[in-house]
Amino acid sequence: MSSLIKFSDTKNVSKSFYPTVAGKAIPEWYKNTESYIEGIKSPDTLTIKKCMPVFDSLSLGYLIYSPARVIVSQVDGLPWYEWDDHNLISFHPHKQAENHPNSNFFPYPKWNNGWSITTQEGYSCLFTTPMHHNLPFKIFDAVVDTDTFNIPVRFPFTLNNPNWEGIIEAGTPIAQVIPFKREDYEMNIVEYKQENIFIVEDQMCNLRSEDFNSYKNKFWRKKKYS
C-alpha cells in the first residue's frame, strides 16, 4: 500500500509548473551519457549511467519548480534578482546564518514556494537541491514534519558563484522533496574482526561476475513514486 503525499497550490501556479515525480525529470546530461565507454562492454568501461545508486538519487521523491523566470545580475558588487510573477523571492539578512559554510556575506535569497505539502501521520520530508542537476544555486537542506506543518516551506539559497549572472528559467527545478517515515534508530558499531571481512568479500564476489548489472539484479530494490 502506497503512502500519500499531497501538494496543494496556494499561488495559482500554471499546470506547466506543477510538481512532478523526480524520475520523470531526469537531466539531459544523464540521458545523453552512454552506458559504456566507447561502447565497449566490460566491467572496466561502465559509466555513471550504470550506477543504480546515482539513478536512485535522481529519481528519489518529487521535484518543485520555479513558476516564473528569475534574472540574476550584479549591481554594486551584489547579486540583484528580478522576477516576473508570484512574489517569487524574498530575503533573509546575512546575520541570520553568517557562519553557514555556504555564506557569501550577502543577504540570503529564498524561493517563496507556493506548495503546501501534507504527508501521512509519522512522515516527514527532506528538502534538498535537486540531485545531479546543473543549477547555479544550492538551497539550504532542511527536514520538515509535513504531517503536522502544512505552511508552504520556503527555500533559502546561495549562488554557487556569487558573481554569477544569468537567467533561471521558469520550470527550473528548485527543490527535491523526499518523504520518509520517522523511526527511532540505535547505532551499533561492530569492532574489527575477521568475519566482517568475510561478509564484504562474499558480496564483492557477487558483484564480480559476467553480469554487468550485478548490483541491480542482486541487491537493488525498486523505489516507486507516483
N, C-alpha and C. Protein backbone atom coordinates (compact mmCIF):
# COMPACT_ATOMS: atom_id res chain seq x y z
N MET A 1 0.85 -1.20 0.00
CA MET A 1 0.00 0.00 0.00
C MET A 1 0.88 1.24 0.00
N SER A 2 0.58 2.18 -0.89
CA SER A 2 1.39 3.40 -1.01
C SER A 2 1.04 4.41 0.08
N SER A 3 2.04 5.16 0.51
CA SER A 3 1.81 6.29 1.41
C SER A 3 1.46 7.52 0.57
N LEU A 4 0.70 8.42 1.13
CA LEU A 4 0.19 9.58 0.38
C LEU A 4 0.97 10.84 0.72
N ILE A 5 1.34 11.58 -0.31
CA ILE A 5 1.88 12.93 -0.14
C ILE A 5 1.04 13.85 -1.01
N LYS A 6 0.60 14.96 -0.43
CA LYS A 6 -0.31 15.88 -1.14
C LYS A 6 0.35 17.23 -1.30
N PHE A 7 0.32 17.76 -2.54
CA PHE A 7 0.82 19.10 -2.85
C PHE A 7 -0.38 19.98 -3.16
N SER A 8 -0.61 21.01 -2.35
CA SER A 8 -1.76 21.91 -2.54
C SER A 8 -1.27 23.27 -3.00
N ASP A 9 -1.81 23.75 -4.12
CA ASP A 9 -1.39 25.00 -4.74
C ASP A 9 -1.98 26.18 -3.98
N THR A 10 -1.12 27.10 -3.50
CA THR A 10 -1.59 28.30 -2.81
C THR A 10 -1.31 29.57 -3.60
N LYS A 11 -0.80 29.42 -4.85
CA LYS A 11 -0.42 30.60 -5.64
C LYS A 11 -1.00 30.58 -7.06
N ASN A 12 -1.91 29.67 -7.33
CA ASN A 12 -2.49 29.56 -8.68
C ASN A 12 -1.40 29.39 -9.73
N VAL A 13 -0.59 28.38 -9.53
CA VAL A 13 0.55 28.09 -10.41
C VAL A 13 0.04 27.46 -11.70
N SER A 14 0.66 27.83 -12.82
CA SER A 14 0.34 27.20 -14.09
C SER A 14 0.60 25.70 -14.01
N LYS A 15 -0.28 24.92 -14.63
CA LYS A 15 -0.12 23.46 -14.59
C LYS A 15 1.18 23.02 -15.24
N SER A 16 1.75 23.87 -16.07
CA SER A 16 3.04 23.54 -16.69
C SER A 16 4.15 23.40 -15.66
N PHE A 17 3.95 23.99 -14.48
CA PHE A 17 5.00 24.01 -13.46
C PHE A 17 4.56 23.30 -12.19
N TYR A 18 3.62 22.38 -12.32
CA TYR A 18 3.22 21.57 -11.16
C TYR A 18 4.37 20.66 -10.74
N PRO A 19 4.42 20.26 -9.46
CA PRO A 19 5.44 19.28 -9.04
C PRO A 19 5.31 17.98 -9.83
N THR A 20 6.43 17.30 -9.99
CA THR A 20 6.43 16.02 -10.69
C THR A 20 7.22 14.99 -9.89
N VAL A 21 7.01 13.74 -10.25
CA VAL A 21 7.88 12.68 -9.76
C VAL A 21 9.30 12.97 -10.28
N ALA A 22 10.29 12.89 -9.40
CA ALA A 22 11.66 13.25 -9.81
C ALA A 22 12.14 12.40 -10.98
N GLY A 23 11.72 11.15 -11.02
CA GLY A 23 12.15 10.25 -12.07
C GLY A 23 11.64 10.61 -13.45
N LYS A 24 10.68 11.54 -13.52
CA LYS A 24 10.17 12.00 -14.81
C LYS A 24 10.89 13.25 -15.31
N ALA A 25 11.91 13.67 -14.56
CA ALA A 25 12.65 14.88 -14.96
C ALA A 25 14.14 14.61 -14.84
N ILE A 26 14.58 13.49 -15.38
CA ILE A 26 15.99 13.14 -15.36
C ILE A 26 16.75 14.15 -16.22
N PRO A 27 17.86 14.71 -15.74
CA PRO A 27 18.58 15.75 -16.52
C PRO A 27 19.14 15.21 -17.82
N GLU A 28 19.27 16.11 -18.80
CA GLU A 28 19.69 15.72 -20.14
C GLU A 28 21.10 15.13 -20.15
N TRP A 29 22.01 15.66 -19.33
CA TRP A 29 23.38 15.14 -19.33
C TRP A 29 23.39 13.65 -19.01
N TYR A 30 22.48 13.24 -18.10
CA TYR A 30 22.42 11.82 -17.72
C TYR A 30 21.81 11.00 -18.85
N LYS A 31 20.74 11.52 -19.44
CA LYS A 31 20.11 10.81 -20.55
C LYS A 31 21.09 10.61 -21.70
N ASN A 32 21.94 11.60 -21.93
CA ASN A 32 22.85 11.55 -23.08
C ASN A 32 24.14 10.77 -22.80
N THR A 33 24.33 10.31 -21.59
CA THR A 33 25.52 9.55 -21.25
C THR A 33 25.37 8.10 -21.71
N GLU A 34 26.38 7.59 -22.37
CA GLU A 34 26.38 6.18 -22.80
C GLU A 34 26.63 5.28 -21.58
N SER A 35 26.17 4.05 -21.67
CA SER A 35 26.34 3.10 -20.57
C SER A 35 27.77 2.56 -20.47
N TYR A 36 28.48 2.58 -21.61
CA TYR A 36 29.83 2.03 -21.65
C TYR A 36 30.76 3.00 -22.39
N ILE A 37 31.98 3.11 -21.92
CA ILE A 37 32.96 3.97 -22.58
C ILE A 37 33.24 3.43 -23.97
N GLU A 38 33.05 4.30 -24.97
CA GLU A 38 33.28 3.96 -26.38
C GLU A 38 32.51 2.71 -26.81
N GLY A 39 31.41 2.41 -26.11
CA GLY A 39 30.56 1.30 -26.50
C GLY A 39 31.14 -0.07 -26.24
N ILE A 40 32.25 -0.14 -25.50
CA ILE A 40 32.91 -1.42 -25.22
C ILE A 40 32.37 -1.98 -23.90
N LYS A 41 31.69 -3.12 -23.98
CA LYS A 41 31.08 -3.70 -22.80
C LYS A 41 32.10 -4.52 -22.01
N SER A 42 32.44 -4.01 -20.83
CA SER A 42 33.29 -4.75 -19.90
C SER A 42 33.12 -4.12 -18.53
N PRO A 43 33.49 -4.84 -17.47
CA PRO A 43 33.37 -4.26 -16.13
C PRO A 43 34.20 -2.99 -15.95
N ASP A 44 35.23 -2.81 -16.78
CA ASP A 44 36.12 -1.65 -16.65
C ASP A 44 35.65 -0.43 -17.44
N THR A 45 34.60 -0.60 -18.24
CA THR A 45 34.14 0.51 -19.09
C THR A 45 32.75 1.00 -18.71
N LEU A 46 32.25 0.55 -17.57
CA LEU A 46 30.94 1.02 -17.12
C LEU A 46 31.00 2.51 -16.81
N THR A 47 29.95 3.25 -17.15
CA THR A 47 29.89 4.68 -16.83
C THR A 47 28.89 4.92 -15.70
N ILE A 48 28.76 6.16 -15.32
CA ILE A 48 27.82 6.54 -14.27
C ILE A 48 26.38 6.14 -14.63
N LYS A 49 26.11 5.98 -15.92
CA LYS A 49 24.77 5.58 -16.36
C LYS A 49 24.38 4.20 -15.82
N LYS A 50 25.37 3.36 -15.50
CA LYS A 50 25.10 2.02 -14.99
C LYS A 50 25.10 1.96 -13.47
N CYS A 51 25.24 3.12 -12.83
CA CYS A 51 25.32 3.16 -11.36
C CYS A 51 23.92 3.36 -10.79
N MET A 52 23.32 2.31 -10.24
CA MET A 52 21.96 2.40 -9.72
C MET A 52 21.85 3.35 -8.52
N PRO A 53 22.85 3.44 -7.63
CA PRO A 53 22.74 4.42 -6.56
C PRO A 53 22.58 5.85 -7.07
N VAL A 54 23.28 6.21 -8.17
CA VAL A 54 23.11 7.54 -8.75
C VAL A 54 21.72 7.67 -9.36
N PHE A 55 21.27 6.64 -10.08
CA PHE A 55 19.92 6.68 -10.64
C PHE A 55 18.88 6.85 -9.54
N ASP A 56 19.04 6.13 -8.44
CA ASP A 56 18.08 6.26 -7.33
C ASP A 56 18.05 7.68 -6.80
N SER A 57 19.21 8.33 -6.69
CA SER A 57 19.23 9.70 -6.17
C SER A 57 18.52 10.66 -7.13
N LEU A 58 18.65 10.41 -8.43
CA LEU A 58 17.97 11.26 -9.42
C LEU A 58 16.46 11.09 -9.39
N SER A 59 16.01 9.90 -9.06
CA SER A 59 14.58 9.59 -9.18
C SER A 59 13.87 9.52 -7.83
N LEU A 60 14.55 9.95 -6.78
CA LEU A 60 14.01 9.86 -5.43
C LEU A 60 13.03 11.00 -5.15
N GLY A 61 11.80 10.66 -4.82
CA GLY A 61 10.83 11.67 -4.40
C GLY A 61 10.27 12.50 -5.53
N TYR A 62 10.16 13.82 -5.28
CA TYR A 62 9.42 14.72 -6.16
C TYR A 62 10.22 16.02 -6.36
N LEU A 63 9.92 16.71 -7.44
CA LEU A 63 10.57 17.99 -7.72
C LEU A 63 9.55 19.12 -7.71
N ILE A 64 9.97 20.25 -7.13
CA ILE A 64 9.20 21.50 -7.18
C ILE A 64 9.94 22.45 -8.12
N TYR A 65 9.19 23.20 -8.93
CA TYR A 65 9.78 24.02 -9.99
C TYR A 65 9.50 25.51 -9.74
N SER A 66 10.36 26.33 -10.28
CA SER A 66 10.10 27.77 -10.27
C SER A 66 8.94 28.07 -11.22
N PRO A 67 7.92 28.78 -10.75
CA PRO A 67 6.79 29.09 -11.61
C PRO A 67 7.01 30.33 -12.48
N ALA A 68 8.15 30.97 -12.34
CA ALA A 68 8.42 32.18 -13.12
C ALA A 68 9.93 32.32 -13.33
N ARG A 69 10.28 33.17 -14.28
CA ARG A 69 11.68 33.41 -14.62
C ARG A 69 12.33 34.35 -13.61
N VAL A 70 13.60 34.10 -13.31
CA VAL A 70 14.37 34.98 -12.43
C VAL A 70 15.62 35.43 -13.18
N ILE A 71 15.83 36.75 -13.23
CA ILE A 71 17.03 37.31 -13.85
C ILE A 71 17.99 37.71 -12.74
N VAL A 72 19.22 37.18 -12.82
CA VAL A 72 20.24 37.49 -11.81
C VAL A 72 21.31 38.35 -12.47
N SER A 73 21.56 39.52 -11.90
CA SER A 73 22.63 40.40 -12.39
C SER A 73 23.45 40.88 -11.19
N GLN A 74 24.48 41.65 -11.47
CA GLN A 74 25.34 42.18 -10.41
C GLN A 74 25.20 43.70 -10.38
N VAL A 75 24.88 44.24 -9.20
CA VAL A 75 24.75 45.68 -9.03
C VAL A 75 25.57 46.10 -7.81
N ASP A 76 26.55 46.93 -8.04
CA ASP A 76 27.42 47.41 -6.96
C ASP A 76 28.03 46.25 -6.16
N GLY A 77 28.41 45.20 -6.87
CA GLY A 77 29.08 44.08 -6.22
C GLY A 77 28.18 43.11 -5.50
N LEU A 78 26.88 43.28 -5.67
CA LEU A 78 25.92 42.38 -5.02
C LEU A 78 25.03 41.72 -6.06
N PRO A 79 24.62 40.46 -5.86
CA PRO A 79 23.65 39.85 -6.76
C PRO A 79 22.31 40.59 -6.68
N TRP A 80 21.72 40.82 -7.85
CA TRP A 80 20.44 41.53 -7.94
C TRP A 80 19.45 40.61 -8.65
N TYR A 81 18.28 40.42 -8.03
CA TYR A 81 17.30 39.47 -8.55
C TYR A 81 16.04 40.20 -9.03
N GLU A 82 15.59 39.83 -10.21
CA GLU A 82 14.33 40.34 -10.74
C GLU A 82 13.51 39.14 -11.22
N TRP A 83 12.21 39.18 -10.98
CA TRP A 83 11.37 38.05 -11.37
C TRP A 83 10.04 38.53 -11.92
N ASP A 84 9.37 37.63 -12.62
CA ASP A 84 8.20 38.01 -13.39
C ASP A 84 6.91 38.01 -12.60
N ASP A 85 6.78 37.09 -11.61
CA ASP A 85 5.45 36.89 -11.03
C ASP A 85 5.58 36.09 -9.73
N HIS A 86 4.45 35.95 -9.06
CA HIS A 86 4.27 35.05 -7.91
C HIS A 86 5.05 35.45 -6.66
N ASN A 87 5.43 36.75 -6.53
CA ASN A 87 6.19 37.14 -5.34
C ASN A 87 7.25 36.09 -5.05
N LEU A 88 8.06 35.81 -6.05
CA LEU A 88 8.84 34.58 -6.10
C LEU A 88 9.98 34.51 -5.11
N ILE A 89 10.63 35.65 -4.80
CA ILE A 89 11.82 35.63 -3.96
C ILE A 89 11.70 36.68 -2.86
N SER A 90 12.14 36.31 -1.67
CA SER A 90 12.32 37.27 -0.59
C SER A 90 13.71 37.03 0.00
N PHE A 91 14.05 37.70 1.09
CA PHE A 91 15.45 37.65 1.55
C PHE A 91 15.54 37.50 3.06
N HIS A 92 16.60 36.81 3.49
CA HIS A 92 16.99 36.71 4.90
C HIS A 92 18.24 37.58 5.10
N PRO A 93 18.32 38.32 6.20
CA PRO A 93 19.57 39.03 6.49
C PRO A 93 20.72 38.03 6.64
N HIS A 94 21.87 38.43 6.18
CA HIS A 94 23.03 37.55 6.25
C HIS A 94 23.35 37.16 7.68
N LYS A 95 23.08 38.05 8.63
CA LYS A 95 23.40 37.79 10.03
C LYS A 95 22.67 36.56 10.58
N GLN A 96 21.56 36.17 9.96
CA GLN A 96 20.81 35.02 10.46
C GLN A 96 21.57 33.72 10.28
N ALA A 97 22.55 33.70 9.37
CA ALA A 97 23.34 32.48 9.17
C ALA A 97 24.74 32.87 8.68
N GLU A 98 25.37 33.79 9.41
CA GLU A 98 26.63 34.33 8.91
C GLU A 98 27.77 33.31 8.95
N ASN A 99 27.63 32.25 9.76
CA ASN A 99 28.69 31.25 9.85
C ASN A 99 28.40 30.00 9.02
N HIS A 100 27.33 30.03 8.25
CA HIS A 100 27.00 28.87 7.42
C HIS A 100 28.11 28.65 6.39
N PRO A 101 28.48 27.39 6.11
CA PRO A 101 29.58 27.15 5.16
C PRO A 101 29.33 27.67 3.75
N ASN A 102 28.06 27.88 3.38
CA ASN A 102 27.77 28.43 2.06
C ASN A 102 27.60 29.94 2.07
N SER A 103 27.92 30.57 3.18
CA SER A 103 27.78 32.02 3.27
C SER A 103 28.69 32.72 2.26
N ASN A 104 28.12 33.72 1.58
CA ASN A 104 28.96 34.57 0.72
C ASN A 104 28.85 36.04 1.14
N PHE A 105 28.35 36.23 2.37
CA PHE A 105 28.30 37.55 3.01
C PHE A 105 27.29 38.49 2.37
N PHE A 106 26.38 37.96 1.55
CA PHE A 106 25.28 38.74 1.01
C PHE A 106 23.98 38.27 1.67
N PRO A 107 22.92 39.07 1.61
CA PRO A 107 21.63 38.58 2.10
C PRO A 107 21.26 37.27 1.38
N TYR A 108 20.61 36.38 2.12
CA TYR A 108 20.22 35.10 1.54
C TYR A 108 18.88 35.23 0.82
N PRO A 109 18.84 35.01 -0.49
CA PRO A 109 17.54 34.96 -1.16
C PRO A 109 16.84 33.65 -0.81
N LYS A 110 15.53 33.63 -0.91
CA LYS A 110 14.82 32.37 -0.70
C LYS A 110 13.65 32.28 -1.67
N TRP A 111 13.45 31.06 -2.16
CA TRP A 111 12.32 30.78 -3.04
C TRP A 111 11.05 30.75 -2.20
N ASN A 112 10.09 31.58 -2.56
CA ASN A 112 8.81 31.59 -1.87
C ASN A 112 7.90 30.53 -2.49
N ASN A 113 8.22 29.29 -2.19
CA ASN A 113 7.45 28.16 -2.68
C ASN A 113 5.98 28.31 -2.31
N GLY A 114 5.09 28.02 -3.26
CA GLY A 114 3.65 28.16 -3.02
C GLY A 114 2.93 26.86 -2.75
N TRP A 115 3.67 25.76 -2.60
CA TRP A 115 3.02 24.46 -2.42
C TRP A 115 2.96 24.06 -0.95
N SER A 116 1.74 23.87 -0.46
CA SER A 116 1.53 23.31 0.87
C SER A 116 1.63 21.79 0.75
N ILE A 117 2.49 21.19 1.55
CA ILE A 117 2.76 19.76 1.43
C ILE A 117 2.26 19.04 2.68
N THR A 118 1.50 17.98 2.46
CA THR A 118 0.93 17.20 3.56
C THR A 118 1.27 15.73 3.39
N THR A 119 1.82 15.13 4.42
CA THR A 119 2.10 13.71 4.42
C THR A 119 1.28 13.02 5.51
N GLN A 120 1.24 11.71 5.47
CA GLN A 120 0.51 10.95 6.46
C GLN A 120 1.19 11.04 7.82
N GLU A 121 0.46 10.71 8.86
CA GLU A 121 0.99 10.76 10.21
C GLU A 121 2.25 9.91 10.33
N GLY A 122 3.27 10.50 10.92
CA GLY A 122 4.53 9.79 11.12
C GLY A 122 5.52 9.98 10.00
N TYR A 123 5.18 10.82 9.00
CA TYR A 123 6.07 11.03 7.86
C TYR A 123 6.54 12.48 7.80
N SER A 124 7.81 12.67 7.46
CA SER A 124 8.40 13.99 7.26
C SER A 124 8.94 14.08 5.84
N CYS A 125 9.47 15.26 5.48
CA CYS A 125 10.08 15.44 4.16
C CYS A 125 11.45 16.09 4.29
N LEU A 126 12.39 15.54 3.54
CA LEU A 126 13.69 16.18 3.36
C LEU A 126 13.62 17.04 2.12
N PHE A 127 14.01 18.30 2.25
CA PHE A 127 14.08 19.23 1.12
C PHE A 127 15.56 19.48 0.82
N THR A 128 15.94 19.23 -0.42
CA THR A 128 17.35 19.41 -0.80
C THR A 128 17.42 19.92 -2.23
N THR A 129 18.59 20.41 -2.63
CA THR A 129 18.80 20.82 -4.02
C THR A 129 18.62 19.60 -4.92
N PRO A 130 17.90 19.73 -6.04
CA PRO A 130 17.74 18.58 -6.94
C PRO A 130 19.08 17.94 -7.27
N MET A 131 19.20 16.67 -6.96
CA MET A 131 20.49 15.99 -7.04
C MET A 131 20.93 15.76 -8.48
N HIS A 132 22.20 16.07 -8.74
CA HIS A 132 22.85 15.86 -10.04
C HIS A 132 22.27 16.73 -11.16
N HIS A 133 21.53 17.78 -10.80
CA HIS A 133 21.05 18.73 -11.80
C HIS A 133 22.05 19.89 -11.90
N ASN A 134 22.19 20.41 -13.10
CA ASN A 134 23.12 21.51 -13.33
C ASN A 134 22.43 22.83 -13.01
N LEU A 135 22.60 23.31 -11.79
CA LEU A 135 21.91 24.51 -11.32
C LEU A 135 22.92 25.52 -10.79
N PRO A 136 22.63 26.81 -10.91
CA PRO A 136 23.58 27.82 -10.43
C PRO A 136 23.43 28.13 -8.94
N PHE A 137 22.56 27.42 -8.24
CA PHE A 137 22.30 27.71 -6.83
C PHE A 137 22.19 26.42 -6.03
N LYS A 138 22.26 26.56 -4.72
CA LYS A 138 22.05 25.46 -3.79
C LYS A 138 21.15 25.92 -2.68
N ILE A 139 20.05 25.19 -2.43
CA ILE A 139 19.17 25.56 -1.33
C ILE A 139 19.71 24.99 -0.02
N PHE A 140 19.24 25.55 1.08
CA PHE A 140 19.61 25.04 2.39
C PHE A 140 18.83 23.75 2.64
N ASP A 141 19.53 22.66 2.86
CA ASP A 141 18.86 21.39 3.15
C ASP A 141 18.07 21.53 4.45
N ALA A 142 16.89 20.91 4.49
CA ALA A 142 16.05 21.01 5.68
C ALA A 142 15.09 19.84 5.75
N VAL A 143 14.68 19.50 6.95
CA VAL A 143 13.67 18.47 7.19
C VAL A 143 12.48 19.11 7.88
N VAL A 144 11.29 18.86 7.36
CA VAL A 144 10.05 19.43 7.92
C VAL A 144 9.08 18.30 8.21
N ASP A 145 8.46 18.35 9.37
CA ASP A 145 7.45 17.35 9.73
C ASP A 145 6.13 17.74 9.07
N THR A 146 5.96 17.29 7.85
CA THR A 146 4.85 17.72 7.00
C THR A 146 3.54 17.00 7.32
N ASP A 147 3.56 16.14 8.32
CA ASP A 147 2.28 15.58 8.78
C ASP A 147 1.57 16.54 9.73
N THR A 148 2.33 17.48 10.32
CA THR A 148 1.73 18.45 11.23
C THR A 148 1.88 19.89 10.75
N PHE A 149 2.94 20.18 9.97
CA PHE A 149 3.21 21.54 9.50
C PHE A 149 2.93 21.60 8.00
N ASN A 150 1.91 22.38 7.63
CA ASN A 150 1.48 22.39 6.22
C ASN A 150 1.57 23.76 5.56
N ILE A 151 2.23 24.72 6.23
CA ILE A 151 2.50 26.01 5.60
C ILE A 151 3.55 25.78 4.52
N PRO A 152 3.42 26.41 3.34
CA PRO A 152 4.44 26.21 2.29
C PRO A 152 5.86 26.48 2.81
N VAL A 153 6.74 25.52 2.59
CA VAL A 153 8.12 25.63 3.04
C VAL A 153 8.90 26.49 2.05
N ARG A 154 9.59 27.49 2.54
CA ARG A 154 10.40 28.35 1.69
C ARG A 154 11.84 27.85 1.68
N PHE A 155 12.56 28.14 0.60
CA PHE A 155 13.87 27.54 0.39
C PHE A 155 14.95 28.61 0.25
N PRO A 156 15.59 29.01 1.35
CA PRO A 156 16.74 29.91 1.23
C PRO A 156 17.83 29.25 0.37
N PHE A 157 18.56 30.07 -0.37
CA PHE A 157 19.59 29.50 -1.22
C PHE A 157 20.77 30.45 -1.35
N THR A 158 21.86 29.92 -1.89
CA THR A 158 23.02 30.73 -2.24
C THR A 158 23.41 30.40 -3.68
N LEU A 159 23.99 31.36 -4.36
CA LEU A 159 24.54 31.10 -5.68
C LEU A 159 25.84 30.31 -5.52
N ASN A 160 26.05 29.34 -6.38
CA ASN A 160 27.31 28.59 -6.34
C ASN A 160 28.50 29.51 -6.59
N ASN A 161 28.29 30.46 -7.47
CA ASN A 161 29.29 31.50 -7.75
C ASN A 161 28.61 32.84 -7.45
N PRO A 162 29.03 33.55 -6.39
CA PRO A 162 28.34 34.79 -6.02
C PRO A 162 28.39 35.86 -7.10
N ASN A 163 29.28 35.72 -8.09
CA ASN A 163 29.38 36.69 -9.18
C ASN A 163 28.59 36.26 -10.42
N TRP A 164 27.84 35.17 -10.29
CA TRP A 164 27.12 34.65 -11.47
C TRP A 164 26.03 35.61 -11.92
N GLU A 165 25.89 35.72 -13.24
CA GLU A 165 24.79 36.47 -13.85
C GLU A 165 24.13 35.57 -14.88
N GLY A 166 22.83 35.63 -14.97
CA GLY A 166 22.13 34.81 -15.95
C GLY A 166 20.65 34.74 -15.65
N ILE A 167 19.98 33.81 -16.31
CA ILE A 167 18.53 33.65 -16.16
C ILE A 167 18.23 32.26 -15.62
N ILE A 168 17.46 32.22 -14.56
CA ILE A 168 16.90 30.96 -14.07
C ILE A 168 15.50 30.87 -14.66
N GLU A 169 15.32 30.00 -15.62
CA GLU A 169 14.08 29.96 -16.38
C GLU A 169 12.92 29.41 -15.54
N ALA A 170 11.71 29.85 -15.88
CA ALA A 170 10.51 29.22 -15.32
C ALA A 170 10.56 27.74 -15.65
N GLY A 171 10.20 26.92 -14.69
CA GLY A 171 10.26 25.48 -14.91
C GLY A 171 11.56 24.85 -14.45
N THR A 172 12.48 25.66 -13.92
CA THR A 172 13.72 25.11 -13.37
C THR A 172 13.41 24.40 -12.05
N PRO A 173 13.90 23.17 -11.86
CA PRO A 173 13.66 22.51 -10.57
C PRO A 173 14.42 23.23 -9.46
N ILE A 174 13.73 23.55 -8.37
CA ILE A 174 14.37 24.31 -7.29
C ILE A 174 14.52 23.49 -6.01
N ALA A 175 13.75 22.41 -5.86
CA ALA A 175 13.86 21.60 -4.65
C ALA A 175 13.43 20.17 -4.94
N GLN A 176 14.15 19.24 -4.34
CA GLN A 176 13.77 17.83 -4.38
C GLN A 176 13.15 17.49 -3.03
N VAL A 177 11.97 16.90 -3.06
CA VAL A 177 11.20 16.61 -1.85
C VAL A 177 11.21 15.10 -1.65
N ILE A 178 11.79 14.66 -0.54
CA ILE A 178 11.95 13.23 -0.29
C ILE A 178 11.21 12.87 1.00
N PRO A 179 10.01 12.29 0.88
CA PRO A 179 9.27 11.89 2.09
C PRO A 179 9.91 10.67 2.73
N PHE A 180 9.84 10.59 4.05
CA PHE A 180 10.35 9.41 4.75
C PHE A 180 9.59 9.21 6.05
N LYS A 181 9.55 7.97 6.48
CA LYS A 181 8.88 7.64 7.73
C LYS A 181 9.82 7.88 8.90
N ARG A 182 9.33 8.59 9.89
CA ARG A 182 10.14 8.83 11.09
C ARG A 182 10.20 7.55 11.93
N GLU A 183 11.40 7.13 12.23
CA GLU A 183 11.60 5.97 13.09
C GLU A 183 12.76 6.24 14.02
N ASP A 184 12.80 5.53 15.14
CA ASP A 184 13.91 5.63 16.06
C ASP A 184 15.00 4.66 15.61
N TYR A 185 16.23 5.14 15.66
CA TYR A 185 17.37 4.32 15.28
C TYR A 185 18.36 4.23 16.44
N GLU A 186 19.04 3.11 16.53
CA GLU A 186 20.08 2.93 17.53
C GLU A 186 21.34 2.45 16.81
N MET A 187 22.42 3.20 16.95
CA MET A 187 23.65 2.86 16.24
C MET A 187 24.40 1.73 16.94
N ASN A 188 24.87 0.80 16.14
CA ASN A 188 25.65 -0.32 16.66
C ASN A 188 26.96 -0.39 15.88
N ILE A 189 28.08 -0.18 16.55
CA ILE A 189 29.40 -0.25 15.92
C ILE A 189 30.02 -1.61 16.20
N VAL A 190 30.32 -2.33 15.15
CA VAL A 190 30.95 -3.65 15.28
C VAL A 190 32.45 -3.49 15.11
N GLU A 191 33.21 -3.80 16.13
CA GLU A 191 34.66 -3.65 16.07
C GLU A 191 35.27 -4.61 15.06
N TYR A 192 36.49 -4.28 14.64
CA TYR A 192 37.16 -5.08 13.61
C TYR A 192 37.29 -6.53 14.03
N LYS A 193 36.86 -7.41 13.12
CA LYS A 193 37.12 -8.84 13.29
C LYS A 193 37.05 -9.49 11.92
N GLN A 194 37.60 -10.67 11.83
CA GLN A 194 37.76 -11.33 10.54
C GLN A 194 36.44 -11.56 9.84
N GLU A 195 35.40 -11.87 10.57
CA GLU A 195 34.12 -12.18 9.92
C GLU A 195 33.53 -10.95 9.21
N ASN A 196 33.91 -9.75 9.65
CA ASN A 196 33.46 -8.55 8.92
C ASN A 196 34.00 -8.58 7.49
N ILE A 197 35.25 -9.01 7.35
CA ILE A 197 35.88 -9.07 6.03
C ILE A 197 35.20 -10.14 5.18
N PHE A 198 34.84 -11.27 5.79
CA PHE A 198 34.20 -12.34 5.05
C PHE A 198 32.88 -11.87 4.44
N ILE A 199 32.12 -11.09 5.21
CA ILE A 199 30.84 -10.59 4.71
C ILE A 199 31.06 -9.69 3.50
N VAL A 200 32.05 -8.80 3.60
CA VAL A 200 32.36 -7.89 2.49
C VAL A 200 32.85 -8.67 1.28
N GLU A 201 33.74 -9.61 1.51
CA GLU A 201 34.30 -10.38 0.39
C GLU A 201 33.23 -11.21 -0.30
N ASP A 202 32.28 -11.72 0.46
CA ASP A 202 31.19 -12.51 -0.13
C ASP A 202 30.37 -11.65 -1.09
N GLN A 203 30.05 -10.41 -0.67
CA GLN A 203 29.28 -9.53 -1.56
C GLN A 203 30.12 -9.07 -2.74
N MET A 204 31.40 -8.87 -2.54
CA MET A 204 32.27 -8.49 -3.65
C MET A 204 32.32 -9.60 -4.70
N CYS A 205 32.30 -10.85 -4.25
CA CYS A 205 32.27 -11.96 -5.21
C CYS A 205 30.99 -11.95 -6.02
N ASN A 206 29.90 -11.57 -5.38
CA ASN A 206 28.63 -11.48 -6.11
C ASN A 206 28.65 -10.36 -7.14
N LEU A 207 29.40 -9.29 -6.84
CA LEU A 207 29.49 -8.18 -7.80
C LEU A 207 30.41 -8.52 -8.96
N ARG A 208 31.46 -9.30 -8.70
CA ARG A 208 32.41 -9.67 -9.76
C ARG A 208 31.85 -10.84 -10.54
N SER A 209 31.11 -10.55 -11.56
CA SER A 209 30.52 -11.61 -12.37
C SER A 209 30.42 -11.12 -13.80
N GLU A 210 30.00 -12.03 -14.68
CA GLU A 210 29.81 -11.65 -16.08
C GLU A 210 28.59 -10.77 -16.27
N ASP A 211 27.76 -10.72 -15.23
CA ASP A 211 26.57 -9.87 -15.27
C ASP A 211 26.97 -8.45 -14.90
N PHE A 212 26.98 -7.53 -15.87
CA PHE A 212 27.41 -6.16 -15.60
C PHE A 212 26.38 -5.38 -14.78
N ASN A 213 25.20 -5.94 -14.59
CA ASN A 213 24.16 -5.32 -13.78
C ASN A 213 24.00 -6.06 -12.45
N SER A 214 25.10 -6.57 -11.91
CA SER A 214 25.01 -7.44 -10.74
C SER A 214 24.43 -6.73 -9.52
N TYR A 215 24.81 -5.46 -9.31
CA TYR A 215 24.21 -4.75 -8.17
C TYR A 215 22.70 -4.62 -8.37
N LYS A 216 22.28 -4.22 -9.56
CA LYS A 216 20.85 -4.05 -9.84
C LYS A 216 20.10 -5.37 -9.69
N ASN A 217 20.68 -6.45 -10.20
CA ASN A 217 19.98 -7.73 -10.22
C ASN A 217 20.03 -8.48 -8.90
N LYS A 218 21.04 -8.20 -8.07
CA LYS A 218 21.21 -9.00 -6.85
C LYS A 218 20.94 -8.24 -5.56
N PHE A 219 21.10 -6.91 -5.59
CA PHE A 219 20.99 -6.16 -4.35
C PHE A 219 19.94 -5.04 -4.38
N TRP A 220 19.75 -4.44 -5.53
CA TRP A 220 18.91 -3.25 -5.65
C TRP A 220 17.44 -3.57 -5.44
N ARG A 221 16.70 -2.64 -4.82
CA ARG A 221 15.25 -2.77 -4.65
C ARG A 221 14.58 -1.54 -5.27
N LYS A 222 13.56 -1.79 -6.04
CA LYS A 222 12.88 -0.71 -6.76
C LYS A 222 12.18 0.23 -5.77
N LYS A 223 12.30 1.53 -6.03
CA LYS A 223 11.59 2.55 -5.25
C LYS A 223 10.52 3.15 -6.15
N LYS A 224 9.31 3.24 -5.67
CA LYS A 224 8.21 3.67 -6.52
C LYS A 224 7.59 4.97 -6.02
N TYR A 225 7.49 5.94 -6.93
CA TYR A 225 6.83 7.22 -6.65
C TYR A 225 5.85 7.51 -7.78
N SER A 226 4.69 7.98 -7.43
CA SER A 226 3.69 8.31 -8.47
C SER A 226 2.83 9.47 -7.99
